[in-house]
């Protein structure tokens, strides 16, 4: 039992929602009311006329179960109409603990990557999450959770109006472009909402020399497009 508790703590679990596990994260069933809630999320997001209004609606969207287990709601950062909008999958453990968007190692890596192609994170780049809430144990989002949250990001993109869009990770390539593997999604310019879009590696997976080289290749192609 002690080893199991230590494993859960190391995985980032900070809260239990029932007294014993009932189902694994790989087989989470979709709630029967997920479609109505997704439709409700879409209707709510469309009401927003400004980014502040959208952030208020998103923060108060308690129908998403992730709202109940996360420590903080993490919102996007950056200017309106930037050169680039970056979309990250979910907040990491550090951001969830502190309430600071894009904190920790992955946040520092993002800053270095943008700086490497001469982009200011404060004036030229807007960064947002697909989910403003960290999933328990950093598990993957379910299809129903993505369907609830994506309308808010779609509206965020339309309000921000970036010149280019970068999706970090295979999960985002699937959610936004319908492409099921990272290898198919990379090295190709896509079109999302009429915006030139590129896919790169998830920031949390850029660990090895090979992965760093792949991320640098993506950045160079983005820099060439900006030029």
Protein backbone atom coordinates (compact mmCIF):
# COMPACT_ATOMS: atom_id res chain seq x y z
CA UNK A 1 0.00 0.00 0.00
CA UNK A 2 2.84 2.39 0.90
CA UNK A 3 4.50 1.85 -2.49
CA UNK A 4 1.20 2.53 -4.26
CA UNK A 5 0.76 5.80 -2.37
CA UNK A 6 4.31 6.87 -3.21
CA UNK A 7 3.68 6.08 -6.88
CA UNK A 8 0.54 8.24 -6.87
CA UNK A 9 2.36 11.13 -5.19
CA UNK A 10 5.23 10.95 -7.69
CA UNK A 11 2.68 10.97 -10.52
CA UNK A 12 1.33 14.26 -9.23
CA UNK A 13 -1.93 13.08 -7.66
CA UNK A 14 -2.93 15.54 -4.95
CA UNK A 15 -6.61 14.78 -4.43
CA UNK A 16 -8.90 11.75 -4.41
CA UNK A 17 -12.44 12.07 -5.71
CA UNK A 18 -13.59 8.70 -4.30
CA UNK A 19 -12.40 6.25 -1.67
CA UNK A 20 -11.05 3.67 -4.13
CA UNK A 21 -10.15 3.49 -7.84
CA UNK A 22 -12.98 2.48 -10.13
CA UNK A 23 -11.48 2.67 -13.63
CA UNK A 24 -8.13 3.27 -15.31
CA UNK A 25 -7.33 6.48 -17.22
CA UNK A 26 -7.04 4.45 -20.43
CA UNK A 27 -10.63 3.28 -20.24
CA UNK A 28 -12.44 6.32 -18.90
CA UNK A 29 -15.98 6.12 -20.17
CA UNK A 30 -17.52 9.16 -21.77
CA UNK A 31 -20.39 10.65 -19.81
CA UNK A 32 -23.80 10.30 -21.44
CA UNK A 33 -24.32 14.04 -21.30
CA UNK A 34 -21.00 14.95 -22.94
CA UNK A 35 -22.57 16.03 -26.25
CA UNK A 36 -25.04 18.50 -24.64
CA UNK A 37 -22.22 19.92 -22.49
CA UNK A 38 -20.00 20.32 -25.57
CA UNK A 39 -22.82 22.13 -27.34
CA UNK A 40 -23.25 24.32 -24.28
CA UNK A 41 -19.52 25.11 -24.25
CA UNK A 42 -19.67 26.10 -27.91
CA UNK A 43 -22.65 28.39 -27.29
CA UNK A 44 -20.95 29.97 -24.28
CA UNK A 45 -17.69 30.58 -26.15
CA UNK A 46 -19.48 32.22 -29.05
CA UNK A 47 -21.02 34.76 -26.67
CA UNK A 48 -17.60 36.26 -25.85
CA UNK A 49 -16.80 39.50 -27.65
CA UNK A 50 -13.47 40.08 -25.91
CA UNK A 51 -10.68 37.96 -24.47
CA UNK A 52 -11.60 39.05 -20.94
CA UNK A 53 -15.18 37.88 -21.48
CA UNK A 54 -13.93 34.56 -22.85
CA UNK A 55 -11.59 34.02 -19.90
CA UNK A 56 -14.44 34.69 -17.46
CA UNK A 57 -16.68 32.19 -19.23
CA UNK A 58 -13.90 29.61 -19.35
CA UNK A 59 -13.02 30.04 -15.69
CA UNK A 60 -16.66 29.56 -14.68
CA UNK A 61 -17.21 26.51 -16.91
CA UNK A 62 -17.68 24.15 -13.98
CA UNK A 63 -19.38 21.50 -16.12
CA UNK A 64 -15.93 20.17 -17.06
CA UNK A 65 -14.87 17.69 -14.33
CA UNK A 66 -11.25 18.90 -14.50
CA UNK A 67 -12.43 22.13 -12.91
CA UNK A 68 -13.03 20.23 -9.66
CA UNK A 69 -9.64 18.51 -9.34
CA UNK A 70 -7.17 21.18 -10.51
CA UNK A 71 -5.63 23.65 -8.07
CA UNK A 72 -5.73 26.62 -10.46
CA UNK A 73 -7.29 27.76 -13.73
CA UNK A 74 -4.44 28.65 -16.09
CA UNK A 75 -5.24 31.19 -18.80
CA UNK A 76 -3.37 32.35 -21.88
CA UNK A 77 -0.68 35.03 -21.90
CA UNK A 78 0.42 37.52 -24.52
CA UNK A 79 -0.67 40.33 -26.83
CA UNK A 80 -3.65 40.53 -29.19
CA UNK A 81 -2.74 39.93 -32.88
CA UNK A 82 0.73 38.45 -32.21
CA UNK A 83 3.07 36.98 -34.79
CA UNK A 84 2.64 33.51 -33.30
CA UNK A 85 0.12 31.78 -31.07
CA UNK A 86 1.39 28.68 -29.26
CA UNK A 87 -1.03 26.08 -27.96
CA UNK A 88 0.11 23.73 -25.18
CA UNK A 89 -1.83 20.60 -24.22
CA UNK A 90 -2.37 21.09 -20.47
CA UNK A 91 -0.68 22.87 -17.54
CA UNK A 92 2.18 21.01 -15.89
CA UNK A 93 2.42 20.22 -12.19
CA UNK A 94 4.43 23.36 -11.42
CA UNK A 95 1.89 25.66 -13.06
CA UNK A 96 -0.99 23.91 -11.32
CA UNK A 97 0.70 24.35 -7.93
CA UNK A 98 1.71 27.99 -8.37
CA UNK A 99 -1.05 29.35 -10.59
CA UNK A 100 1.62 30.71 -12.95
CA UNK A 101 0.96 29.80 -16.59
CA UNK A 102 3.87 28.15 -18.44
CA UNK A 103 6.04 27.74 -15.36
CA UNK A 104 8.69 25.10 -14.67
CA UNK A 105 11.12 23.44 -17.07
CA UNK A 106 8.73 23.26 -20.02
CA UNK A 107 7.86 26.93 -19.63
CA UNK A 108 11.53 27.90 -19.55
CA UNK A 109 12.14 25.73 -22.62
CA UNK A 110 9.34 27.50 -24.50
CA UNK A 111 10.91 30.87 -23.68
CA UNK A 112 14.31 29.70 -24.97
CA UNK A 113 12.79 28.26 -28.15
CA UNK A 114 10.99 31.49 -28.99
CA UNK A 115 14.08 33.54 -28.21
CA UNK A 116 16.12 31.31 -30.54
CA UNK A 117 14.03 32.55 -33.49
CA UNK A 118 14.06 36.15 -32.26
CA UNK A 119 10.52 36.25 -30.89
CA UNK A 120 9.60 38.14 -27.75
CA UNK A 121 7.27 36.15 -25.51
CA UNK A 122 5.79 39.39 -24.16
CA UNK A 123 5.15 41.36 -27.34
CA UNK A 124 5.10 38.93 -30.28
CA UNK A 125 3.79 35.62 -28.95
CA UNK A 126 0.55 34.53 -27.32
CA UNK A 127 0.53 31.19 -25.49
CA UNK A 128 -2.55 29.24 -24.40
CA UNK A 129 -3.57 25.80 -23.14
CA UNK A 130 -6.10 23.44 -24.67
CA UNK A 131 -7.21 22.70 -21.11
CA UNK A 132 -6.86 25.47 -18.50
CA UNK A 133 -6.86 22.74 -15.86
CA UNK A 134 -4.28 20.04 -15.19
CA UNK A 135 -5.70 16.53 -15.40
CA UNK A 136 -5.23 14.34 -12.27
CA UNK A 137 -1.90 12.52 -12.44
CA UNK A 138 -1.13 14.35 -15.71
CA UNK A 139 -3.24 11.77 -17.55
CA UNK A 140 -4.37 12.41 -21.12
CA UNK A 141 -7.64 14.25 -21.69
CA UNK A 142 -10.63 12.16 -22.65
CA UNK A 143 -12.41 12.77 -25.95
CA UNK A 144 -15.36 14.29 -24.11
CA UNK A 145 -13.10 16.67 -22.17
CA UNK A 146 -11.46 17.81 -25.41
CA UNK A 147 -14.88 18.35 -26.97
CA UNK A 148 -15.88 20.51 -23.98
CA UNK A 149 -12.72 22.62 -23.97
CA UNK A 150 -11.85 23.05 -27.65
CA UNK A 151 -14.68 25.57 -28.40
CA UNK A 152 -13.09 28.00 -25.96
CA UNK A 153 -9.68 27.68 -27.65
CA UNK A 154 -11.24 28.06 -31.10
CA UNK A 155 -12.84 31.31 -29.96
CA UNK A 156 -9.55 32.37 -28.37
CA UNK A 157 -7.79 31.91 -31.71
CA UNK A 158 -10.40 34.00 -33.51
CA UNK A 159 -10.07 36.79 -30.93
CA UNK A 160 -6.26 36.72 -30.84
CA UNK A 161 -5.87 36.58 -34.66
CA UNK A 162 -2.26 35.34 -34.82
CA UNK A 163 -0.24 35.30 -38.03
CA UNK A 164 0.96 31.74 -37.33
CA UNK A 165 -0.22 28.95 -35.06
CA UNK A 166 2.03 26.33 -33.41
CA UNK A 167 0.56 23.17 -31.88
CA UNK A 168 2.91 21.42 -29.45
CA UNK A 169 2.38 17.66 -29.39
CA UNK A 170 0.61 14.76 -31.07
CA UNK A 171 -2.52 15.19 -28.94
CA UNK A 172 -3.04 18.69 -30.34
CA UNK A 173 -2.39 17.54 -33.90
CA UNK A 174 -5.23 15.06 -33.46
CA UNK A 175 -7.57 17.46 -31.65
CA UNK A 176 -7.18 20.38 -34.08
CA UNK A 177 -6.14 18.78 -37.37
CA UNK A 178 -7.45 15.22 -37.13
CA UNK A 179 -3.94 13.82 -37.71
CA UNK A 180 -3.20 10.78 -35.57
CA UNK A 181 0.62 10.73 -35.52
CA UNK A 182 3.28 13.36 -34.97
CA UNK A 183 5.36 12.11 -37.89
CA UNK A 184 2.50 12.82 -40.30
CA UNK A 185 1.82 16.24 -38.81
CA UNK A 186 5.36 17.68 -38.71
CA UNK A 187 7.22 19.36 -41.62
CA UNK A 188 3.94 20.32 -43.28
CA UNK A 189 2.11 23.65 -43.28
CA UNK A 190 -1.52 23.18 -42.30
CA UNK A 191 -4.45 25.57 -42.38
CA UNK A 192 -6.57 26.06 -39.28
CA UNK A 193 -9.22 28.80 -39.24
CA UNK A 194 -7.42 30.29 -42.22
CA UNK A 195 -4.16 30.50 -40.23
CA UNK A 196 -0.88 28.89 -41.28
CA UNK A 197 -0.28 26.15 -38.70
CA UNK A 198 2.68 23.98 -37.74
CA UNK A 199 2.99 21.04 -35.37
CA UNK A 200 6.05 20.41 -33.18
CA UNK A 201 6.97 18.11 -30.32
CA UNK A 202 5.31 18.39 -26.94
CA UNK A 203 7.54 20.52 -24.69
CA UNK A 204 7.50 17.81 -22.01
CA UNK A 205 9.01 15.26 -24.43
CA UNK A 206 12.00 17.30 -25.63
CA UNK A 207 14.67 15.53 -23.61
CA UNK A 208 17.20 13.82 -25.89
CA UNK A 209 19.62 15.23 -28.45
CA UNK A 210 17.47 13.83 -31.25
CA UNK A 211 14.31 15.43 -29.88
CA UNK A 212 16.08 18.78 -29.44
CA UNK A 213 17.29 18.56 -33.04
CA UNK A 214 13.75 17.83 -34.25
CA UNK A 215 12.37 20.80 -32.31
CA UNK A 216 15.09 23.05 -33.75
CA UNK A 217 14.20 21.92 -37.29
CA UNK A 218 10.59 22.92 -36.63
CA UNK A 219 11.67 26.31 -35.32
CA UNK A 220 13.86 26.99 -38.33
CA UNK A 221 10.98 26.25 -40.71
CA UNK A 222 8.73 28.57 -38.70
CA UNK A 223 11.37 31.29 -38.75
CA UNK A 224 11.70 30.97 -42.53
CA UNK A 225 7.94 31.40 -42.90
CA UNK A 226 7.98 34.51 -40.72
CA UNK A 227 10.80 35.96 -42.80
